[in-house]
Each structure stands twice: as structure tokens, then as C-alpha cells.
Amino acid sequence: LTELEAGPVAEKTVVTVGRNNLTTGNGIVTEVTEVVPYVGR
């Protein structure tokens, strides 16, 4: 039930976007630097 707080992400988070097949080289692979939660959702 820990409430997520805005700020730098606590855990390493890698995002892959732009490729529907994760084995291809399309799109980008990058990390998350910070998170901004919607309080109550």
C-alpha cells in the first residue's frame, strides 16, 4: 500500500518503446529518470 511520491525513480526502470517485437532493433530503449503519480488514481 506504499504511496508513490513524485521524484527520482527509486528502482532502475528500463523502457522499451516503438517496437512491437522486442527482439528487433526498432524504437528506443531508455531509462526512467523520475515519476509523477496522480494522487488518488
PDB file of all heavy atoms in Angstrom:
ATOM      1  N   LEU A   1       0.810  -1.207   0.000  1.00  0.00           N
ATOM      2  CA  LEU A   1       0.000   0.000   0.000  1.00  0.00           C
ATOM      3  C   LEU A   1       0.849   1.264   0.000  1.00  0.00           C
ATOM      4  O   LEU A   1       0.334   2.359   0.211  1.00  0.00           O
ATOM      5  CB  LEU A   1      -0.929  -0.006   1.224  1.00  0.00           C
ATOM      6  CG  LEU A   1      -1.954  -1.132   1.256  1.00  0.00           C
ATOM      7  CD1 LEU A   1      -2.723  -1.089   2.574  1.00  0.00           C
ATOM      8  CD2 LEU A   1      -2.907  -1.029   0.083  1.00  0.00           C
ATOM      9  N   THR A   2       2.167   1.131  -0.230  1.00  0.00           N
ATOM     10  CA  THR A   2       3.048   2.293  -0.210  1.00  0.00           C
ATOM     11  C   THR A   2       2.610   3.301  -1.257  1.00  0.00           C
ATOM     12  O   THR A   2       2.396   2.962  -2.409  1.00  0.00           O
ATOM     13  CB  THR A   2       4.499   1.877  -0.482  1.00  0.00           C
ATOM     14  OG1 THR A   2       4.888   0.910   0.487  1.00  0.00           O
ATOM     15  CG2 THR A   2       5.423   3.088  -0.406  1.00  0.00           C
ATOM     16  N   GLU A   3       2.489   4.553  -0.858  1.00  0.00           N
ATOM     17  CA  GLU A   3       2.096   5.619  -1.781  1.00  0.00           C
ATOM     18  C   GLU A   3       3.318   6.093  -2.559  1.00  0.00           C
ATOM     19  O   GLU A   3       4.343   6.442  -1.984  1.00  0.00           O
ATOM     20  CB  GLU A   3       1.490   6.798  -1.012  1.00  0.00           C
ATOM     21  CG  GLU A   3       0.945   7.890  -1.909  1.00  0.00           C
ATOM     22  CD  GLU A   3      -0.336   7.480  -2.604  1.00  0.00           C
ATOM     23  OE1 GLU A   3      -1.127   6.741  -1.993  1.00  0.00           O
ATOM     24  OE2 GLU A   3      -0.529   7.889  -3.751  1.00  0.00           O
ATOM     25  N   LEU A   4       3.206   6.099  -3.866  1.00  0.00           N
ATOM     26  CA  LEU A   4       4.303   6.548  -4.714  1.00  0.00           C
ATOM     27  C   LEU A   4       4.410   8.064  -4.636  1.00  0.00           C
ATOM     28  O   LEU A   4       3.415   8.769  -4.697  1.00  0.00           O
ATOM     29  CB  LEU A   4       4.052   6.116  -6.156  1.00  0.00           C
ATOM     30  CG  LEU A   4       5.142   6.436  -7.172  1.00  0.00           C
ATOM     31  CD1 LEU A   4       6.421   5.675  -6.839  1.00  0.00           C
ATOM     32  CD2 LEU A   4       4.668   6.074  -8.572  1.00  0.00           C
ATOM     33  N   GLU A   5       5.626   8.575  -4.491  1.00  0.00           N
ATOM     34  CA  GLU A   5       5.848  10.007  -4.405  1.00  0.00           C
ATOM     35  C   GLU A   5       6.540  10.513  -5.662  1.00  0.00           C
ATOM     36  O   GLU A   5       7.313   9.790  -6.299  1.00  0.00           O
ATOM     37  CB  GLU A   5       6.705  10.352  -3.180  1.00  0.00           C
ATOM     38  CG  GLU A   5       6.027  10.019  -1.852  1.00  0.00           C
ATOM     39  CD  GLU A   5       6.879  10.412  -0.671  1.00  0.00           C
ATOM     40  OE1 GLU A   5       8.041  10.827  -0.893  1.00  0.00           O
ATOM     41  OE2 GLU A   5       6.400  10.305   0.464  1.00  0.00           O
ATOM     42  N   ALA A   6       6.260  11.759  -6.015  1.00  0.00           N
ATOM     43  CA  ALA A   6       6.912  12.368  -7.163  1.00  0.00           C
ATOM     44  C   ALA A   6       8.393  12.534  -6.882  1.00  0.00           C
ATOM     45  O   ALA A   6       8.798  12.852  -5.772  1.00  0.00           O
ATOM     46  CB  ALA A   6       6.269  13.719  -7.481  1.00  0.00           C
ATOM     47  N   GLY A   7       9.199  12.304  -7.903  1.00  0.00           N
ATOM     48  CA  GLY A   7      10.635  12.495  -7.748  1.00  0.00           C
ATOM     49  C   GLY A   7      11.402  11.450  -8.526  1.00  0.00           C
ATOM     50  O   GLY A   7      10.830  10.704  -9.340  1.00  0.00           O
ATOM     51  N   PRO A   8      12.715  11.382  -8.301  1.00  0.00           N
ATOM     52  CA  PRO A   8      13.535  10.378  -8.984  1.00  0.00           C
ATOM     53  C   PRO A   8      13.021   8.981  -8.696  1.00  0.00           C
ATOM     54  O   PRO A   8      12.600   8.686  -7.582  1.00  0.00           O
ATOM     55  CB  PRO A   8      14.926  10.602  -8.383  1.00  0.00           C
ATOM     56  CG  PRO A   8      14.902  12.006  -7.872  1.00  0.00           C
ATOM     57  CD  PRO A   8      13.502  12.249  -7.414  1.00  0.00           C
ATOM     58  N   VAL A   9      13.040   8.131  -9.702  1.00  0.00           N
ATOM     59  CA  VAL A   9      12.541   6.780  -9.520  1.00  0.00           C
ATOM     60  C   VAL A   9      13.488   6.002  -8.618  1.00  0.00           C
ATOM     61  O   VAL A   9      14.711   6.100  -8.732  1.00  0.00           O
ATOM     62  CB  VAL A   9      12.362   6.083 -10.882  1.00  0.00           C
ATOM     63  CG1 VAL A   9      13.677   5.916 -11.603  1.00  0.00           C
ATOM     64  CG2 VAL A   9      11.649   4.753 -10.727  1.00  0.00           C
ATOM     65  N   ALA A  10      12.924   5.246  -7.667  1.00  0.00           N
ATOM     66  CA  ALA A  10      13.730   4.565  -6.658  1.00  0.00           C
ATOM     67  C   ALA A  10      14.445   3.340  -7.216  1.00  0.00           C
ATOM     68  O   ALA A  10      15.524   2.985  -6.766  1.00  0.00           O
ATOM     69  CB  ALA A  10      12.856   4.176  -5.473  1.00  0.00           C
ATOM     70  N   GLU A  11      13.820   2.673  -8.178  1.00  0.00           N
ATOM     71  CA  GLU A  11      14.400   1.465  -8.741  1.00  0.00           C
ATOM     72  C   GLU A  11      14.746   1.686 -10.209  1.00  0.00           C
ATOM     73  O   GLU A  11      14.080   2.447 -10.906  1.00  0.00           O
ATOM     74  CB  GLU A  11      13.400   0.313  -8.645  1.00  0.00           C
ATOM     75  CG  GLU A  11      12.988  -0.050  -7.235  1.00  0.00           C
ATOM     76  CD  GLU A  11      11.896  -1.099  -7.237  1.00  0.00           C
ATOM     77  OE1 GLU A  11      10.750  -0.751  -7.522  1.00  0.00           O
ATOM     78  OE2 GLU A  11      12.208  -2.267  -6.961  1.00  0.00           O
ATOM     79  N   LYS A  12      15.766   1.032 -10.664  1.00  0.00           N
ATOM     80  CA  LYS A  12      16.126   1.125 -12.071  1.00  0.00           C
ATOM     81  C   LYS A  12      14.939   0.668 -12.915  1.00  0.00           C
ATOM     82  O   LYS A  12      14.391  -0.409 -12.696  1.00  0.00           O
ATOM     83  CB  LYS A  12      17.349   0.266 -12.379  1.00  0.00           C
ATOM     84  CG  LYS A  12      17.769   0.326 -13.846  1.00  0.00           C
ATOM     85  CD  LYS A  12      19.004  -0.519 -14.115  1.00  0.00           C
ATOM     86  CE  LYS A  12      19.391  -0.443 -15.584  1.00  0.00           C
ATOM     87  NZ  LYS A  12      20.589  -1.267 -15.883  1.00  0.00           N
ATOM     88  N   THR A  13      14.540   1.501 -13.853  1.00  0.00           N
ATOM     89  CA  THR A  13      13.396   1.192 -14.706  1.00  0.00           C
ATOM     90  C   THR A  13      13.794   1.405 -16.157  1.00  0.00           C
ATOM     91  O   THR A  13      14.154   2.523 -16.551  1.00  0.00           O
ATOM     92  CB  THR A  13      12.191   2.073 -14.361  1.00  0.00           C
ATOM     93  OG1 THR A  13      11.838   1.878 -12.985  1.00  0.00           O
ATOM     94  CG2 THR A  13      10.998   1.729 -15.239  1.00  0.00           C
ATOM     95  N   VAL A  14      13.751   0.339 -16.932  1.00  0.00           N
ATOM     96  CA  VAL A  14      14.118   0.388 -18.348  1.00  0.00           C
ATOM     97  C   VAL A  14      12.848   0.330 -19.184  1.00  0.00           C
ATOM     98  O   VAL A  14      11.983  -0.526 -18.967  1.00  0.00           O
ATOM     99  CB  VAL A  14      15.057  -0.781 -18.720  1.00  0.00           C
ATOM    100  CG1 VAL A  14      15.364  -0.763 -20.218  1.00  0.00           C
ATOM    101  CG2 VAL A  14      16.347  -0.701 -17.913  1.00  0.00           C
ATOM    102  N   VAL A  15      12.726   1.245 -20.134  1.00  0.00           N
ATOM    103  CA  VAL A  15      11.557   1.325 -21.002  1.00  0.00           C
ATOM    104  C   VAL A  15      11.962   1.022 -22.438  1.00  0.00           C
ATOM    105  O   VAL A  15      12.944   1.579 -22.944  1.00  0.00           O
ATOM    106  CB  VAL A  15      10.913   2.716 -20.942  1.00  0.00           C
ATOM    107  CG1 VAL A  15       9.780   2.839 -21.965  1.00  0.00           C
ATOM    108  CG2 VAL A  15      10.394   2.999 -19.543  1.00  0.00           C
ATOM    109  N   THR A  16      11.218   0.128 -23.062  1.00  0.00           N
ATOM    110  CA  THR A  16      11.366  -0.137 -24.495  1.00  0.00           C
ATOM    111  C   THR A  16      10.083   0.313 -25.167  1.00  0.00           C
ATOM    112  O   THR A  16       8.991  -0.106 -24.770  1.00  0.00           O
ATOM    113  CB  THR A  16      11.592  -1.633 -24.770  1.00  0.00           C
ATOM    114  OG1 THR A  16      12.755  -2.071 -24.063  1.00  0.00           O
ATOM    115  CG2 THR A  16      11.776  -1.886 -26.266  1.00  0.00           C
ATOM    116  N   VAL A  17      10.189   1.176 -26.159  1.00  0.00           N
ATOM    117  CA  VAL A  17       9.000   1.671 -26.848  1.00  0.00           C
ATOM    118  C   VAL A  17       9.328   1.876 -28.321  1.00  0.00           C
ATOM    119  O   VAL A  17      10.457   2.186 -28.681  1.00  0.00           O
ATOM    120  CB  VAL A  17       8.499   2.983 -26.203  1.00  0.00           C
ATOM    121  CG1 VAL A  17       9.509   4.110 -26.367  1.00  0.00           C
ATOM    122  CG2 VAL A  17       7.135   3.391 -26.743  1.00  0.00           C
ATOM    123  N   GLY A  18       8.312   1.644 -29.158  1.00  0.00           N
ATOM    124  CA  GLY A  18       8.500   1.804 -30.593  1.00  0.00           C
ATOM    125  C   GLY A  18       8.739   0.511 -31.327  1.00  0.00           C
ATOM    126  O   GLY A  18       8.916   0.502 -32.542  1.00  0.00           O
ATOM    127  N   ARG A  19       8.754  -0.594 -30.607  1.00  0.00           N
ATOM    128  CA  ARG A  19       8.918  -1.897 -31.260  1.00  0.00           C
ATOM    129  C   ARG A  19       7.904  -2.877 -30.695  1.00  0.00           C
ATOM    130  O   ARG A  19       7.822  -3.070 -29.480  1.00  0.00           O
ATOM    131  CB  ARG A  19      10.334  -2.435 -31.088  1.00  0.00           C
ATOM    132  CG  ARG A  19      10.736  -2.707 -29.658  1.00  0.00           C
ATOM    133  CD  ARG A  19      12.115  -3.344 -29.527  1.00  0.00           C
ATOM    134  NE  ARG A  19      13.186  -2.420 -29.788  1.00  0.00           N
ATOM    135  CZ  ARG A  19      14.451  -2.605 -29.392  1.00  0.00           C
ATOM    136  NH1 ARG A  19      14.784  -3.717 -28.728  1.00  0.00           N
ATOM    137  NH2 ARG A  19      15.389  -1.726 -29.642  1.00  0.00           N
ATOM    138  N   ASN A  20       7.126  -3.482 -31.542  1.00  0.00           N
ATOM    139  CA  ASN A  20       6.136  -4.464 -31.098  1.00  0.00           C
ATOM    140  C   ASN A  20       6.716  -5.859 -30.968  1.00  0.00           C
ATOM    141  O   ASN A  20       6.101  -6.744 -30.402  1.00  0.00           O
ATOM    142  CB  ASN A  20       4.943  -4.475 -32.047  1.00  0.00           C
ATOM    143  CG  ASN A  20       4.126  -3.202 -31.935  1.00  0.00           C
ATOM    144  OD1 ASN A  20       4.364  -2.383 -31.051  1.00  0.00           O
ATOM    145  ND2 ASN A  20       3.165  -3.021 -32.827  1.00  0.00           N
ATOM    146  N   ASN A  21       7.901  -6.053 -31.528  1.00  0.00           N
ATOM    147  CA  ASN A  21       8.661  -7.284 -31.335  1.00  0.00           C
ATOM    148  C   ASN A  21       9.927  -6.898 -30.584  1.00  0.00           C
ATOM    149  O   ASN A  21      10.775  -6.175 -31.115  1.00  0.00           O
ATOM    150  CB  ASN A  21       9.001  -7.933 -32.683  1.00  0.00           C
ATOM    151  CG  ASN A  21       9.732  -9.255 -32.520  1.00  0.00           C
ATOM    152  OD1 ASN A  21      10.451  -9.467 -31.540  1.00  0.00           O
ATOM    153  ND2 ASN A  21       9.563 -10.144 -33.484  1.00  0.00           N
ATOM    154  N   LEU A  22      10.065  -7.329 -29.363  1.00  0.00           N
ATOM    155  CA  LEU A  22      11.158  -6.890 -28.509  1.00  0.00           C
ATOM    156  C   LEU A  22      12.511  -7.380 -28.981  1.00  0.00           C
ATOM    157  O   LEU A  22      13.551  -6.908 -28.483  1.00  0.00           O
ATOM    158  CB  LEU A  22      10.916  -7.349 -27.079  1.00  0.00           C
ATOM    159  CG  LEU A  22       9.647  -6.799 -26.408  1.00  0.00           C
ATOM    160  CD1 LEU A  22       9.489  -7.387 -25.019  1.00  0.00           C
ATOM    161  CD2 LEU A  22       9.695  -5.279 -26.351  1.00  0.00           C
ATOM    162  N   THR A  23      12.559  -8.310 -29.939  1.00  0.00           N
ATOM    163  CA  THR A  23      13.836  -8.823 -30.430  1.00  0.00           C
ATOM    164  C   THR A  23      14.392  -7.978 -31.563  1.00  0.00           C
ATOM    165  O   THR A  23      15.523  -8.202 -32.002  1.00  0.00           O
ATOM    166  CB  THR A  23      13.684 -10.274 -30.918  1.00  0.00           C
ATOM    167  OG1 THR A  23      12.780 -10.312 -32.039  1.00  0.00           O
ATOM    168  CG2 THR A  23      13.153 -11.170 -29.811  1.00  0.00           C
ATOM    169  N   THR A  24      13.624  -6.999 -32.059  1.00  0.00           N
ATOM    170  CA  THR A  24      14.107  -6.156 -33.153  1.00  0.00           C
ATOM    171  C   THR A  24      14.848  -4.948 -32.597  1.00  0.00           C
ATOM    172  O   THR A  24      14.826  -4.675 -31.400  1.00  0.00           O
ATOM    173  CB  THR A  24      12.944  -5.661 -34.027  1.00  0.00           C
ATOM    174  OG1 THR A  24      12.161  -4.715 -33.277  1.00  0.00           O
ATOM    175  CG2 THR A  24      12.062  -6.818 -34.467  1.00  0.00           C
ATOM    176  N   GLY A  25      15.480  -4.203 -33.493  1.00  0.00           N
ATOM    177  CA  GLY A  25      16.234  -3.030 -33.080  1.00  0.00           C
ATOM    178  C   GLY A  25      15.488  -1.737 -33.275  1.00  0.00           C
ATOM    179  O   GLY A  25      16.094  -0.654 -33.202  1.00  0.00           O
ATOM    180  N   ASN A  26      14.187  -1.818 -33.550  1.00  0.00           N
ATOM    181  CA  ASN A  26      13.421  -0.594 -33.771  1.00  0.00           C
ATOM    182  C   ASN A  26      13.148   0.122 -32.453  1.00  0.00           C
ATOM    183  O   ASN A  26      13.319  -0.427 -31.372  1.00  0.00           O
ATOM    184  CB  ASN A  26      12.090  -0.919 -34.460  1.00  0.00           C
ATOM    185  CG  ASN A  26      12.303  -1.539 -35.821  1.00  0.00           C
ATOM    186  OD1 ASN A  26      13.259  -1.219 -36.508  1.00  0.00           O
ATOM    187  ND2 ASN A  26      11.402  -2.447 -36.198  1.00  0.00           N
ATOM    188  N   GLY A  27      12.664   1.366 -32.561  1.00  0.00           N
ATOM    189  CA  GLY A  27      12.284   2.111 -31.371  1.00  0.00           C
ATOM    190  C   GLY A  27      13.487   2.498 -30.540  1.00  0.00           C
ATOM    191  O   GLY A  27      14.613   2.610 -31.028  1.00  0.00           O
ATOM    192  N   ILE A  28      13.245   2.719 -29.254  1.00  0.00           N
ATOM    193  CA  ILE A  28      14.333   3.098 -28.347  1.00  0.00           C
ATOM    194  C   ILE A  28      14.249   2.281 -27.062  1.00  0.00           C
ATOM    195  O   ILE A  28      13.184   1.791 -26.686  1.00  0.00           O
ATOM    196  CB  ILE A  28      14.301   4.596 -27.999  1.00  0.00           C
ATOM    197  CG1 ILE A  28      13.077   4.940 -27.132  1.00  0.00           C
ATOM    198  CG2 ILE A  28      14.336   5.466 -29.245  1.00  0.00           C
ATOM    199  CD1 ILE A  28      13.175   6.289 -26.464  1.00  0.00           C
ATOM    200  N   VAL A  29      15.384   2.152 -26.405  1.00  0.00           N
ATOM    201  CA  VAL A  29      15.467   1.562 -25.073  1.00  0.00           C
ATOM    202  C   VAL A  29      16.135   2.613 -24.198  1.00  0.00           C
ATOM    203  O   VAL A  29      17.258   3.055 -24.486  1.00  0.00           O
ATOM    204  CB  VAL A  29      16.275   0.259 -25.054  1.00  0.00           C
ATOM    205  CG1 VAL A  29      16.348  -0.300 -23.633  1.00  0.00           C
ATOM    206  CG2 VAL A  29      15.666  -0.758 -26.010  1.00  0.00           C
ATOM    207  N   THR A  30      15.468   3.033 -23.147  1.00  0.00           N
ATOM    208  CA  THR A  30      15.998   4.085 -22.296  1.00  0.00           C
ATOM    209  C   THR A  30      15.548   3.854 -20.864  1.00  0.00           C
ATOM    210  O   THR A  30      14.789   2.911 -20.590  1.00  0.00           O
ATOM    211  CB  THR A  30      15.543   5.477 -22.799  1.00  0.00           C
ATOM    212  OG1 THR A  30      16.191   6.498 -22.024  1.00  0.00           O
ATOM    213  CG2 THR A  30      14.028   5.637 -22.693  1.00  0.00           C
ATOM    214  N   GLU A  31      15.999   4.691 -19.957  1.00  0.00           N
ATOM    215  CA  GLU A  31      15.633   4.551 -18.555  1.00  0.00           C
ATOM    216  C   GLU A  31      14.662   5.645 -18.131  1.00  0.00           C
ATOM    217  O   GLU A  31      14.533   6.674 -18.793  1.00  0.00           O
ATOM    218  CB  GLU A  31      16.881   4.591 -17.660  1.00  0.00           C
ATOM    219  CG  GLU A  31      17.789   3.392 -17.833  1.00  0.00           C
ATOM    220  CD  GLU A  31      18.912   3.378 -16.817  1.00  0.00           C
ATOM    221  OE1 GLU A  31      18.810   4.076 -15.791  1.00  0.00           O
ATOM    222  OE2 GLU A  31      19.905   2.660 -17.049  1.00  0.00           O
ATOM    223  N   VAL A  32      13.981   5.406 -17.032  1.00  0.00           N
ATOM    224  CA  VAL A  32      13.098   6.397 -16.421  1.00  0.00           C
ATOM    225  C   VAL A  32      13.915   7.197 -15.413  1.00  0.00           C
ATOM    226  O   VAL A  32      14.638   6.619 -14.601  1.00  0.00           O
ATOM    227  CB  VAL A  32      11.902   5.715 -15.730  1.00  0.00           C
ATOM    228  CG1 VAL A  32      11.126   6.714 -14.875  1.00  0.00           C
ATOM    229  CG2 VAL A  32      10.992   5.075 -16.767  1.00  0.00           C
ATOM    230  N   THR A  33      13.798   8.523 -15.473  1.00  0.00           N
ATOM    231  CA  THR A  33      14.556   9.368 -14.557  1.00  0.00           C
ATOM    232  C   THR A  33      13.728   9.858 -13.377  1.00  0.00           C
ATOM    233  O   THR A  33      14.281  10.118 -12.306  1.00  0.00           O
ATOM    234  CB  THR A  33      15.129  10.581 -15.293  1.00  0.00           C
ATOM    235  OG1 THR A  33      14.057  11.331 -15.890  1.00  0.00           O
ATOM    236  CG2 THR A  33      16.100  10.140 -16.381  1.00  0.00           C
ATOM    237  N   GLU A  34      12.422  10.017 -13.572  1.00  0.00           N
ATOM    238  CA  GLU A  34      11.564  10.462 -12.474  1.00  0.00           C
ATOM    239  C   GLU A  34      10.129  10.036 -12.727  1.00  0.00           C
ATOM    240  O   GLU A  34       9.758   9.704 -13.859  1.00  0.00           O
ATOM    241  CB  GLU A  34      11.629  11.984 -12.299  1.00  0.00           C
ATOM    242  CG  GLU A  34      11.060  12.771 -13.460  1.00  0.00           C
ATOM    243  CD  GLU A  34      11.043  14.261 -13.189  1.00  0.00           C
ATOM    244  OE1 GLU A  34      10.382  14.667 -12.212  1.00  0.00           O
ATOM    245  OE2 GLU A  34      11.660  15.010 -13.950  1.00  0.00           O
ATOM    246  N   VAL A  35       9.334  10.036 -11.695  1.00  0.00           N
ATOM    247  CA  VAL A  35       7.923   9.664 -11.805  1.00  0.00           C
ATOM    248  C   VAL A  35       7.064  10.744 -11.161  1.00  0.00           C
ATOM    249  O   VAL A  35       7.466  11.381 -10.186  1.00  0.00           O
ATOM    250  CB  VAL A  35       7.638   8.301 -11.153  1.00  0.00           C
ATOM    251  CG1 VAL A  35       8.285   7.185 -11.949  1.00  0.00           C
ATOM    252  CG2 VAL A  35       8.109   8.267  -9.709  1.00  0.00           C
ATOM    253  N   VAL A  36       5.870  10.927 -11.735  1.00  0.00           N
ATOM    254  CA  VAL A  36       4.898  11.877 -11.194  1.00  0.00           C
ATOM    255  C   VAL A  36       3.564  11.147 -11.089  1.00  0.00           C
ATOM    256  O   VAL A  36       2.903  10.899 -12.088  1.00  0.00           O
ATOM    257  CB  VAL A  36       4.740  13.118 -12.083  1.00  0.00           C
ATOM    258  CG1 VAL A  36       3.740  14.083 -11.463  1.00  0.00           C
ATOM    259  CG2 VAL A  36       6.083  13.807 -12.297  1.00  0.00           C
ATOM    260  N   PRO A  37       3.149  10.749  -9.880  1.00  0.00           N
ATOM    261  CA  PRO A  37       1.901   9.995  -9.721  1.00  0.00           C
ATOM    262  C   PRO A  37       0.682  10.904  -9.687  1.00  0.00           C
ATOM    263  O   PRO A  37       0.775  12.087  -9.367  1.00  0.00           O
ATOM    264  CB  PRO A  37       2.088   9.299  -8.374  1.00  0.00           C
ATOM    265  CG  PRO A  37       2.962  10.238  -7.603  1.00  0.00           C
ATOM    266  CD  PRO A  37       3.881  10.879  -8.601  1.00  0.00           C
ATOM    267  N   TYR A  38      -0.442  10.341 -10.044  1.00  0.00           N
ATOM    268  CA  TYR A  38      -1.739  11.012  -9.910  1.00  0.00           C
ATOM    269  C   TYR A  38      -2.303  10.538  -8.569  1.00  0.00           C
ATOM    270  O   TYR A  38      -2.738   9.401  -8.441  1.00  0.00           O
ATOM    271  CB  TYR A  38      -2.655  10.601 -11.052  1.00  0.00           C
ATOM    272  CG  TYR A  38      -3.979  11.340 -11.151  1.00  0.00           C
ATOM    273  CD1 TYR A  38      -4.436  11.808 -12.370  1.00  0.00           C
ATOM    274  CD2 TYR A  38      -4.792  11.548 -10.045  1.00  0.00           C
ATOM    275  CE1 TYR A  38      -5.648  12.482 -12.483  1.00  0.00           C
ATOM    276  CE2 TYR A  38      -5.993  12.218 -10.142  1.00  0.00           C
ATOM    277  CZ  TYR A  38      -6.420  12.677 -11.371  1.00  0.00           C
ATOM    278  OH  TYR A  38      -7.626  13.344 -11.470  1.00  0.00           O
ATOM    279  N   VAL A  39      -2.297  11.395  -7.581  1.00  0.00           N
ATOM    280  CA  VAL A  39      -2.763  11.018  -6.247  1.00  0.00           C
ATOM    281  C   VAL A  39      -4.250  10.673  -6.309  1.00  0.00           C
ATOM    282  O   VAL A  39      -5.066  11.465  -6.767  1.00  0.00           O
ATOM    283  CB  VAL A  39      -2.524  12.157  -5.241  1.00  0.00           C
ATOM    284  CG1 VAL A  39      -3.075  11.783  -3.868  1.00  0.00           C
ATOM    285  CG2 VAL A  39      -1.036  12.485  -5.155  1.00  0.00           C
ATOM    286  N   GLY A  40      -4.589   9.470  -5.899  1.00  0.00           N
ATOM    287  CA  GLY A  40      -5.979   9.034  -5.896  1.00  0.00           C
ATOM    288  C   GLY A  40      -6.341   8.151  -7.071  1.00  0.00           C
ATOM    289  O   GLY A  40      -7.441   7.598  -7.112  1.00  0.00           O
ATOM    290  N   ARG A  41      -5.443   8.025  -8.039  1.00  0.00           N
ATOM    291  CA  ARG A  41      -5.666   7.112  -9.164  1.00  0.00           C
ATOM    292  C   ARG A  41      -4.403   6.274  -9.373  1.00  0.00           C
ATOM    293  O   ARG A  41      -3.297   6.716  -9.080  1.00  0.00           O
ATOM    294  CB  ARG A  41      -5.978   7.877 -10.454  1.00  0.00           C
ATOM    295  CG  ARG A  41      -7.264   8.690 -10.403  1.00  0.00           C
ATOM    296  CD  ARG A  41      -7.692   9.165 -11.784  1.00  0.00           C
ATOM    297  NE  ARG A  41      -8.821  10.086 -11.705  1.00  0.00           N
ATOM    298  CZ  ARG A  41      -9.524  10.519 -12.744  1.00  0.00           C
ATOM    299  NH1 ARG A  41      -9.205  10.113 -13.968  1.00  0.00           N
ATOM    300  NH2 ARG A  41     -10.536  11.349 -12.582  1.00  0.00           N
TER     301      ARG A  41
END
